[in-house]
N, C-alpha and C. Protein backbone atom coordinates (compact mmCIF):
# COMPACT_ATOMS: atom_id res chain seq x y z
N MET A 1 5.96 -26.53 10.57
CA MET A 1 4.80 -25.79 11.46
C MET A 1 3.70 -25.56 10.47
N SER A 2 2.71 -25.89 10.41
CA SER A 2 1.95 -25.66 9.28
C SER A 2 1.25 -23.92 9.63
N VAL A 3 0.73 -23.79 8.36
CA VAL A 3 -0.24 -22.15 8.58
C VAL A 3 -0.83 -21.95 9.51
N GLU A 4 -1.96 -22.78 9.80
CA GLU A 4 -2.78 -22.64 11.01
C GLU A 4 -1.36 -22.45 12.42
N GLU A 5 -0.88 -23.23 12.58
CA GLU A 5 0.10 -23.07 13.84
C GLU A 5 0.53 -21.61 13.76
N GLU A 6 1.26 -21.24 12.73
CA GLU A 6 2.18 -20.27 12.57
C GLU A 6 0.83 -18.89 13.04
N ALA A 7 -0.31 -18.93 12.21
CA ALA A 7 -1.31 -17.71 12.66
C ALA A 7 -1.49 -18.04 13.54
N ARG A 8 -1.79 -18.56 14.45
CA ARG A 8 -1.94 -18.87 16.43
C ARG A 8 -0.71 -18.44 16.78
N GLN A 9 0.26 -18.62 16.58
CA GLN A 9 1.53 -18.12 17.26
C GLN A 9 1.36 -16.04 17.07
N PHE A 10 1.41 -16.06 15.59
CA PHE A 10 1.40 -14.52 15.58
C PHE A 10 0.17 -14.03 16.06
N TRP A 11 -0.75 -14.30 16.79
CA TRP A 11 -1.91 -13.95 17.19
C TRP A 11 -1.17 -13.76 18.82
N LEU A 12 -1.10 -14.73 19.33
CA LEU A 12 -0.87 -14.76 20.57
C LEU A 12 0.64 -14.13 21.05
N SER A 13 1.46 -13.56 19.87
CA SER A 13 2.57 -12.58 20.02
C SER A 13 2.16 -11.28 20.09
N LYS A 14 1.00 -11.10 19.19
CA LYS A 14 0.25 -9.76 19.10
C LYS A 14 0.01 -9.57 20.30
N GLU A 15 -1.07 -10.48 21.11
CA GLU A 15 -1.61 -10.48 22.17
C GLU A 15 -0.54 -9.99 23.32
N LYS A 16 0.19 -10.79 23.43
CA LYS A 16 1.33 -10.60 24.60
C LYS A 16 1.71 -9.29 24.31
N GLU A 17 2.57 -9.02 23.06
CA GLU A 17 2.96 -7.48 22.76
C GLU A 17 1.86 -6.27 22.83
N LYS A 18 0.64 -6.32 23.07
CA LYS A 18 -0.18 -5.56 22.93
C LYS A 18 -1.14 -5.57 24.67
N GLY A 19 -0.95 -6.67 25.05
CA GLY A 19 -1.47 -6.80 26.57
C GLY A 19 -2.95 -7.03 26.63
N GLY A 20 -3.45 -7.67 25.79
CA GLY A 20 -4.87 -8.04 25.57
C GLY A 20 -5.24 -9.04 24.78
N THR A 21 -6.40 -9.39 24.70
CA THR A 21 -6.87 -10.29 23.45
C THR A 21 -7.16 -9.89 22.24
N VAL A 22 -7.07 -10.27 21.21
CA VAL A 22 -7.58 -9.71 19.84
C VAL A 22 -9.04 -10.68 19.66
N SER A 23 -9.58 -9.56 19.76
CA SER A 23 -11.33 -9.57 19.50
C SER A 23 -11.81 -9.48 18.18
N PHE A 24 -10.77 -9.11 17.51
CA PHE A 24 -11.39 -8.91 15.77
C PHE A 24 -10.31 -8.62 15.11
N TYR A 25 -10.18 -9.36 13.89
CA TYR A 25 -9.05 -8.76 12.92
C TYR A 25 -9.61 -9.23 11.43
N THR A 26 -8.95 -8.33 10.64
CA THR A 26 -9.53 -8.35 9.22
C THR A 26 -8.05 -7.53 8.47
N PHE A 27 -8.15 -8.42 7.15
CA PHE A 27 -6.96 -7.71 5.99
C PHE A 27 -7.58 -6.43 5.52
N SER A 28 -6.75 -5.31 5.46
CA SER A 28 -6.99 -3.77 5.40
C SER A 28 -6.53 -3.37 4.51
N THR A 29 -6.80 -2.52 3.49
CA THR A 29 -5.56 -1.27 3.29
C THR A 29 -5.60 0.09 3.63
N PHE A 30 -4.48 0.65 4.04
CA PHE A 30 -4.93 2.06 5.05
C PHE A 30 -4.56 3.09 3.40
N LEU A 31 -5.83 4.08 3.20
CA LEU A 31 -5.54 5.16 2.32
C LEU A 31 -5.27 6.39 3.22
N GLY A 32 -3.93 7.04 2.74
CA GLY A 32 -3.57 7.77 3.96
C GLY A 32 -2.17 8.93 3.24
N ARG A 33 -1.71 9.80 4.18
CA ARG A 33 -0.73 10.33 3.21
C ARG A 33 0.40 10.60 4.38
N SER A 34 1.27 10.65 4.09
CA SER A 34 2.75 10.63 4.75
C SER A 34 3.86 11.68 3.62
N GLY A 35 3.99 13.09 4.35
CA GLY A 35 4.25 14.18 3.70
C GLY A 35 3.56 14.70 2.26
N ASP A 36 4.55 14.32 0.85
CA ASP A 36 3.87 14.48 0.05
C ASP A 36 3.50 13.38 -0.71
N ARG A 37 3.45 12.10 -0.23
CA ARG A 37 2.97 11.28 -0.83
C ARG A 37 1.90 10.00 -0.30
N MET A 38 0.95 9.54 -1.23
CA MET A 38 -0.13 9.00 -0.92
C MET A 38 0.23 7.72 -0.57
N LEU A 39 -0.44 7.37 0.39
CA LEU A 39 0.11 5.77 1.53
C LEU A 39 -1.29 5.14 0.66
N ASN A 40 -0.93 3.80 0.32
CA ASN A 40 -1.84 2.85 -0.01
C ASN A 40 -1.36 1.47 0.66
N LEU A 41 -1.52 1.25 2.18
CA LEU A 41 -0.75 0.24 2.66
C LEU A 41 -1.54 -0.95 2.90
N SER A 42 -1.12 -2.12 2.33
CA SER A 42 -1.66 -3.09 2.97
C SER A 42 -1.33 -3.89 4.07
N GLY A 43 -2.51 -4.61 5.02
CA GLY A 43 -1.97 -4.84 6.26
C GLY A 43 -3.00 -5.51 6.69
N LEU A 44 -3.10 -5.52 8.25
CA LEU A 44 -3.96 -6.36 9.27
C LEU A 44 -4.79 -4.72 9.90
N LEU A 45 -5.60 -4.75 10.14
CA LEU A 45 -6.86 -3.93 11.29
C LEU A 45 -7.21 -4.81 11.91
N TYR A 46 -6.83 -4.72 13.47
CA TYR A 46 -7.32 -5.81 14.46
C TYR A 46 -7.51 -4.92 15.66
N ILE A 47 -8.39 -5.39 16.69
CA ILE A 47 -8.56 -4.42 17.98
C ILE A 47 -8.27 -5.73 18.79
N VAL A 48 -7.63 -5.08 20.03
CA VAL A 48 -7.19 -5.14 21.21
C VAL A 48 -7.70 -4.52 22.31
N GLY A 49 -8.80 -4.98 23.09
CA GLY A 49 -9.01 -4.14 24.27
C GLY A 49 -10.27 -3.03 23.55
N SER A 50 -9.72 -2.18 23.85
CA SER A 50 -9.99 -0.18 23.26
C SER A 50 -9.58 0.07 22.38
N ARG A 51 -8.45 -0.45 21.83
CA ARG A 51 -7.82 0.20 20.48
C ARG A 51 -7.87 -0.87 18.96
N ILE A 52 -7.83 0.13 18.29
CA ILE A 52 -7.99 -0.45 16.98
C ILE A 52 -6.61 -0.28 16.33
N PHE A 53 -6.15 -1.13 16.27
CA PHE A 53 -4.43 -1.48 15.25
C PHE A 53 -4.47 -1.59 13.80
N PHE A 54 -3.89 -1.00 13.23
CA PHE A 54 -3.58 -1.01 12.16
C PHE A 54 -2.17 -1.32 11.92
N GLU A 55 -1.44 -2.31 11.12
CA GLU A 55 0.09 -2.59 10.79
C GLU A 55 0.09 -3.19 9.67
N ASP A 56 0.96 -2.43 8.63
CA ASP A 56 1.21 -2.97 7.37
C ASP A 56 2.62 -4.08 7.59
N PHE A 57 2.85 -4.65 6.26
CA PHE A 57 3.76 -5.78 6.49
C PHE A 57 4.80 -5.35 4.78
N GLU A 58 5.96 -5.80 5.16
CA GLU A 58 6.72 -5.25 3.66
C GLU A 58 6.66 -6.37 2.92
N LYS A 59 6.33 -5.78 1.24
CA LYS A 59 5.93 -6.63 0.51
C LYS A 59 7.11 -6.95 -0.49
N GLU A 60 7.16 -7.93 -0.78
CA GLU A 60 8.51 -8.37 -1.85
C GLU A 60 8.16 -7.96 -3.42
N ASN A 61 8.87 -7.02 -3.67
CA ASN A 61 9.04 -6.76 -4.92
C ASN A 61 9.94 -7.41 -6.00
N TRP A 62 9.26 -8.15 -6.71
CA TRP A 62 10.35 -9.23 -7.94
C TRP A 62 11.18 -8.41 -8.44
N LEU A 63 10.75 -7.27 -9.03
CA LEU A 63 11.57 -6.54 -10.07
C LEU A 63 13.00 -5.85 -9.61
N LEU A 64 12.73 -5.80 -8.35
CA LEU A 64 13.82 -5.13 -7.26
C LEU A 64 14.87 -6.31 -7.29
N LYS A 65 14.34 -7.56 -6.98
CA LYS A 65 14.85 -8.69 -6.67
C LYS A 65 15.93 -9.02 -7.72
N ILE A 66 15.35 -8.79 -9.04
CA ILE A 66 15.77 -9.06 -10.26
C ILE A 66 16.79 -8.19 -10.57
N MET A 67 16.46 -7.08 -10.25
CA MET A 67 18.02 -5.90 -10.53
C MET A 67 18.79 -5.78 -9.30
N ASN A 68 18.57 -7.00 -8.34
CA ASN A 68 19.82 -6.65 -7.14
C ASN A 68 19.62 -5.27 -6.38
N ARG A 69 18.70 -5.15 -6.24
CA ARG A 69 18.32 -3.68 -5.36
C ARG A 69 17.25 -4.18 -4.37
N LYS A 70 17.52 -3.23 -3.10
CA LYS A 70 17.05 -3.62 -2.14
C LYS A 70 16.13 -2.30 -1.97
N SER A 71 14.88 -2.41 -1.59
CA SER A 71 13.93 -1.22 -1.11
C SER A 71 14.16 -0.97 0.40
N GLU A 72 14.14 0.30 0.50
CA GLU A 72 13.80 0.95 1.68
C GLU A 72 11.97 0.77 2.50
N TYR A 73 12.17 -0.23 3.34
CA TYR A 73 10.83 -0.65 4.24
C TYR A 73 10.71 0.08 5.42
N GLU A 74 9.71 0.85 5.45
CA GLU A 74 9.32 1.42 6.78
C GLU A 74 8.26 1.06 7.21
N LYS A 75 7.84 0.17 8.50
CA LYS A 75 6.78 0.00 8.89
C LYS A 75 6.26 0.86 9.41
N THR A 76 4.36 0.62 9.14
CA THR A 76 3.60 1.79 9.73
C THR A 76 2.89 1.19 10.49
N GLU A 77 2.81 1.41 11.65
CA GLU A 77 1.78 1.00 12.58
C GLU A 77 0.98 1.55 13.60
N PHE A 78 0.18 1.89 13.58
CA PHE A 78 -0.52 2.78 14.71
C PHE A 78 -1.68 2.44 15.42
N PHE A 79 -2.43 2.85 16.59
CA PHE A 79 -3.46 2.63 16.70
C PHE A 79 -4.85 3.59 17.18
N VAL A 80 -6.19 3.55 17.41
CA VAL A 80 -6.53 4.69 17.91
C VAL A 80 -7.69 3.90 18.77
N ARG A 81 -7.79 4.80 19.93
CA ARG A 81 -8.62 4.66 20.67
C ARG A 81 -10.38 4.23 20.43
N HIS A 82 -11.18 3.47 20.95
CA HIS A 82 -12.41 3.31 20.56
C HIS A 82 -12.93 4.61 21.09
N GLY A 83 -12.31 5.38 22.03
CA GLY A 83 -13.42 6.47 22.69
C GLY A 83 -12.76 7.76 21.91
N ASP A 84 -11.75 7.57 21.10
CA ASP A 84 -11.51 8.92 20.16
C ASP A 84 -12.58 8.90 18.97
N ILE A 85 -13.51 7.86 18.55
CA ILE A 85 -13.88 7.79 17.44
C ILE A 85 -15.20 8.56 17.96
N VAL A 86 -15.70 9.10 16.83
CA VAL A 86 -16.88 9.87 16.66
C VAL A 86 -17.86 9.32 16.26
N ASN A 87 -17.36 8.92 15.21
CA ASN A 87 -18.51 7.77 14.16
C ASN A 87 -17.73 7.07 12.70
N SER A 88 -18.37 6.31 12.27
CA SER A 88 -17.85 5.80 10.83
C SER A 88 -18.73 5.78 10.16
N ARG A 89 -18.23 5.60 8.83
CA ARG A 89 -19.52 5.56 7.90
C ARG A 89 -18.80 4.97 6.69
N VAL A 90 -19.39 4.25 5.45
CA VAL A 90 -19.10 3.80 4.07
C VAL A 90 -18.93 4.91 3.42
N VAL A 91 -18.25 5.32 2.66
CA VAL A 91 -18.11 6.36 1.53
C VAL A 91 -17.01 5.39 0.76
N ALA A 92 -17.54 6.19 -0.94
CA ALA A 92 -16.97 5.56 -1.73
C ALA A 92 -15.26 6.01 -2.05
N ARG A 93 -14.60 4.89 -2.67
CA ARG A 93 -12.91 5.15 -2.47
C ARG A 93 -12.90 6.60 -2.96
N ALA A 94 -13.45 7.02 -4.11
CA ALA A 94 -12.79 8.33 -4.37
C ALA A 94 -13.14 9.56 -3.75
N ALA A 95 -14.23 9.37 -3.08
CA ALA A 95 -14.02 10.23 -1.82
C ALA A 95 -13.26 10.41 -1.13
N ALA A 96 -12.90 9.53 -0.75
CA ALA A 96 -11.66 8.98 0.43
C ALA A 96 -10.59 9.54 -0.21
N ALA A 97 -10.10 9.31 -1.27
CA ALA A 97 -9.03 9.50 -2.03
C ALA A 97 -8.85 11.34 -2.31
N ASN A 98 -9.94 11.59 -2.41
CA ASN A 98 -10.28 13.15 -2.59
C ASN A 98 -9.80 13.97 -1.18
N CYS A 99 -10.62 13.16 -0.14
CA CYS A 99 -10.08 13.76 1.21
C CYS A 99 -8.77 13.78 1.45
N VAL A 100 -8.38 12.28 1.24
CA VAL A 100 -6.57 12.29 1.43
C VAL A 100 -5.90 13.41 0.71
N GLU A 101 -6.19 13.53 -0.26
CA GLU A 101 -5.52 14.75 -1.38
C GLU A 101 -5.67 16.13 -1.14
N GLY A 102 -6.61 15.92 0.12
CA GLY A 102 -7.05 17.46 0.48
C GLY A 102 -8.17 18.39 -0.87
N LEU A 103 -8.74 17.35 -1.87
CA LEU A 103 -9.66 17.82 -2.33
C LEU A 103 -11.23 18.18 -1.93
N MET A 104 -11.58 17.46 -0.69
CA MET A 104 -12.75 17.18 -0.25
C MET A 104 -12.43 17.33 1.49
N GLY A 105 -13.23 17.73 2.06
CA GLY A 105 -13.13 17.54 3.53
C GLY A 105 -13.87 16.66 3.96
N ILE A 106 -13.44 16.54 4.90
CA ILE A 106 -13.91 15.15 5.70
C ILE A 106 -15.72 15.22 6.07
N GLU A 107 -15.82 16.29 6.17
CA GLU A 107 -17.45 16.56 6.26
C GLU A 107 -18.35 16.46 4.91
N GLU A 108 -17.62 16.56 3.93
CA GLU A 108 -18.17 16.62 2.80
C GLU A 108 -18.70 15.03 2.06
N THR A 109 -17.78 13.89 2.53
CA THR A 109 -17.94 12.71 2.04
C THR A 109 -19.92 11.97 2.56
N ARG A 110 -20.00 11.35 1.66
CA ARG A 110 -21.50 11.03 1.96
C ARG A 110 -21.16 9.45 2.12
N GLU A 111 -22.44 9.01 3.21
CA GLU A 111 -22.59 7.22 3.28
C GLU A 111 -22.85 6.98 1.76
N LEU A 112 -22.30 5.76 1.43
CA LEU A 112 -22.75 4.73 0.26
C LEU A 112 -24.03 4.22 0.81
N ARG A 113 -25.05 4.25 -0.11
CA ARG A 113 -26.58 3.73 0.20
C ARG A 113 -26.84 2.87 -1.10
N GLY A 114 -27.87 1.95 -0.81
CA GLY A 114 -28.41 1.49 -1.85
C GLY A 114 -27.91 1.20 -3.49
N MET A 115 -28.04 1.77 -4.37
CA MET A 115 -27.66 1.21 -5.46
C MET A 115 -26.00 1.71 -5.89
N MET A 116 -26.02 2.68 -4.89
CA MET A 116 -24.58 3.42 -4.67
C MET A 116 -23.36 2.55 -4.53
N ARG A 117 -23.78 1.59 -3.61
CA ARG A 117 -22.78 0.73 -3.22
C ARG A 117 -22.22 -0.60 -4.34
N VAL A 118 -23.06 -0.59 -5.23
CA VAL A 118 -23.31 -1.24 -6.67
C VAL A 118 -21.80 -0.70 -7.07
N PHE A 119 -22.27 0.65 -7.39
CA PHE A 119 -21.44 1.27 -8.53
C PHE A 119 -19.65 1.80 -8.18
N ALA A 120 -19.71 1.91 -6.72
CA ALA A 120 -18.57 2.59 -6.07
C ALA A 120 -17.66 1.53 -5.22
N LYS A 121 -16.42 1.56 -5.25
CA LYS A 121 -15.89 0.90 -4.00
C LYS A 121 -15.96 0.96 -2.77
N PRO A 122 -16.50 0.35 -1.75
CA PRO A 122 -16.54 1.06 -0.52
C PRO A 122 -15.35 1.33 0.55
N VAL A 123 -15.38 2.03 0.92
CA VAL A 123 -14.35 2.70 2.02
C VAL A 123 -14.39 2.77 3.48
N LEU A 124 -13.86 2.32 4.46
CA LEU A 124 -14.47 2.87 5.56
C LEU A 124 -13.84 4.19 6.31
N GLN A 125 -14.56 5.04 6.50
CA GLN A 125 -14.24 6.42 7.36
C GLN A 125 -14.67 6.38 8.45
N ILE A 126 -13.35 6.59 9.22
CA ILE A 126 -13.53 6.80 10.78
C ILE A 126 -13.03 8.19 11.22
N ASN A 127 -13.99 8.93 11.68
CA ASN A 127 -13.87 9.94 12.13
C ASN A 127 -13.46 9.96 13.54
N LEU A 128 -12.46 11.00 13.82
CA LEU A 128 -11.85 10.96 15.23
C LEU A 128 -12.51 12.16 15.76
N HIS A 129 -12.16 12.41 17.16
CA HIS A 129 -12.57 13.79 18.02
C HIS A 129 -11.69 14.73 17.64
N ASN A 130 -10.72 14.57 16.96
CA ASN A 130 -9.63 15.46 16.92
C ASN A 130 -9.62 16.24 15.39
N GLY A 131 -10.70 15.96 14.80
CA GLY A 131 -11.07 16.73 13.30
C GLY A 131 -10.39 15.95 12.43
N THR A 132 -9.95 14.85 12.72
CA THR A 132 -9.20 14.34 11.27
C THR A 132 -10.13 12.61 11.00
N ALA A 133 -9.89 12.02 10.02
CA ALA A 133 -10.85 10.76 9.54
C ALA A 133 -9.71 9.98 9.06
N LEU A 134 -9.69 8.72 9.22
CA LEU A 134 -8.47 7.35 8.94
C LEU A 134 -9.96 6.86 7.92
N PHE A 135 -8.94 6.34 6.78
CA PHE A 135 -9.51 5.40 5.57
C PHE A 135 -9.20 4.10 5.35
N PHE A 136 -9.93 3.24 5.27
CA PHE A 136 -9.59 1.92 5.27
C PHE A 136 -10.47 0.88 4.42
N GLU A 137 -9.67 0.36 3.56
CA GLU A 137 -10.40 -0.59 2.57
C GLU A 137 -10.45 -1.90 3.30
N VAL A 138 -11.65 -2.30 3.95
CA VAL A 138 -11.60 -3.53 5.03
C VAL A 138 -12.50 -4.54 4.19
N MET A 139 -11.96 -5.66 4.57
CA MET A 139 -12.29 -7.32 3.80
C MET A 139 -13.59 -7.39 4.77
N LYS A 140 -13.36 -7.28 6.11
CA LYS A 140 -14.88 -7.54 6.52
C LYS A 140 -15.54 -6.53 7.35
N LEU A 141 -15.74 -5.77 6.40
CA LEU A 141 -16.41 -4.49 6.43
C LEU A 141 -17.69 -4.57 7.34
N GLU A 142 -18.56 -5.00 7.28
CA GLU A 142 -19.98 -5.13 7.97
C GLU A 142 -19.79 -5.59 9.33
N GLU A 143 -18.98 -6.87 9.39
CA GLU A 143 -18.56 -6.94 10.63
C GLU A 143 -17.88 -5.81 11.81
N LEU A 144 -16.78 -5.61 11.40
CA LEU A 144 -16.34 -4.20 11.59
C LEU A 144 -17.15 -3.09 12.04
N ARG A 145 -18.20 -2.78 11.17
CA ARG A 145 -19.28 -1.37 11.35
C ARG A 145 -19.92 -2.12 12.27
N LYS A 146 -20.33 -3.29 12.69
CA LYS A 146 -21.16 -3.20 14.04
C LYS A 146 -20.62 -3.11 15.35
N ILE A 147 -19.00 -2.97 15.33
CA ILE A 147 -18.02 -3.04 16.19
C ILE A 147 -17.85 -1.18 16.59
N LEU A 148 -18.12 -0.55 15.39
CA LEU A 148 -17.59 0.81 15.43
C LEU A 148 -18.90 1.66 15.65
N PRO A 149 -18.49 3.18 16.76
CA PRO A 149 -20.04 4.00 16.40
C PRO A 149 -20.01 4.40 15.29
N ARG A 150 -21.58 4.62 15.10
CA ARG A 150 -21.97 4.94 13.87
C ARG A 150 -22.54 6.88 13.98
């Protein structure tokens, strides 16, 4: 099976699993916390209907393979409903990391504008009605921004 056909089959299976058409997808890295550890999970961010999904995939660790050790992988998958989003903005990755670490409140982040976009790594901040925020590095950032509330 070709790579294109495998990708097509993958998205068809996602549509069947999630009960709708995938209208947008991009590679993404989720920045967050789980207990006492910082997460930096690469995966896919995609939209089905009014839900925005993120899911990561297991990475191969060549060092563990050489040492004949198996790492414990726990899949991360979640979604938010479009209606749960208050707004979104592009912030500096450093500000996102500070929020995730609890060193800065989500209301303290500032939109990256003008020349600051040249000097800082952009991260999408999605603010939710429950007072929390999600942070993603997104490959198709500007396309996604057109879809999300500002």
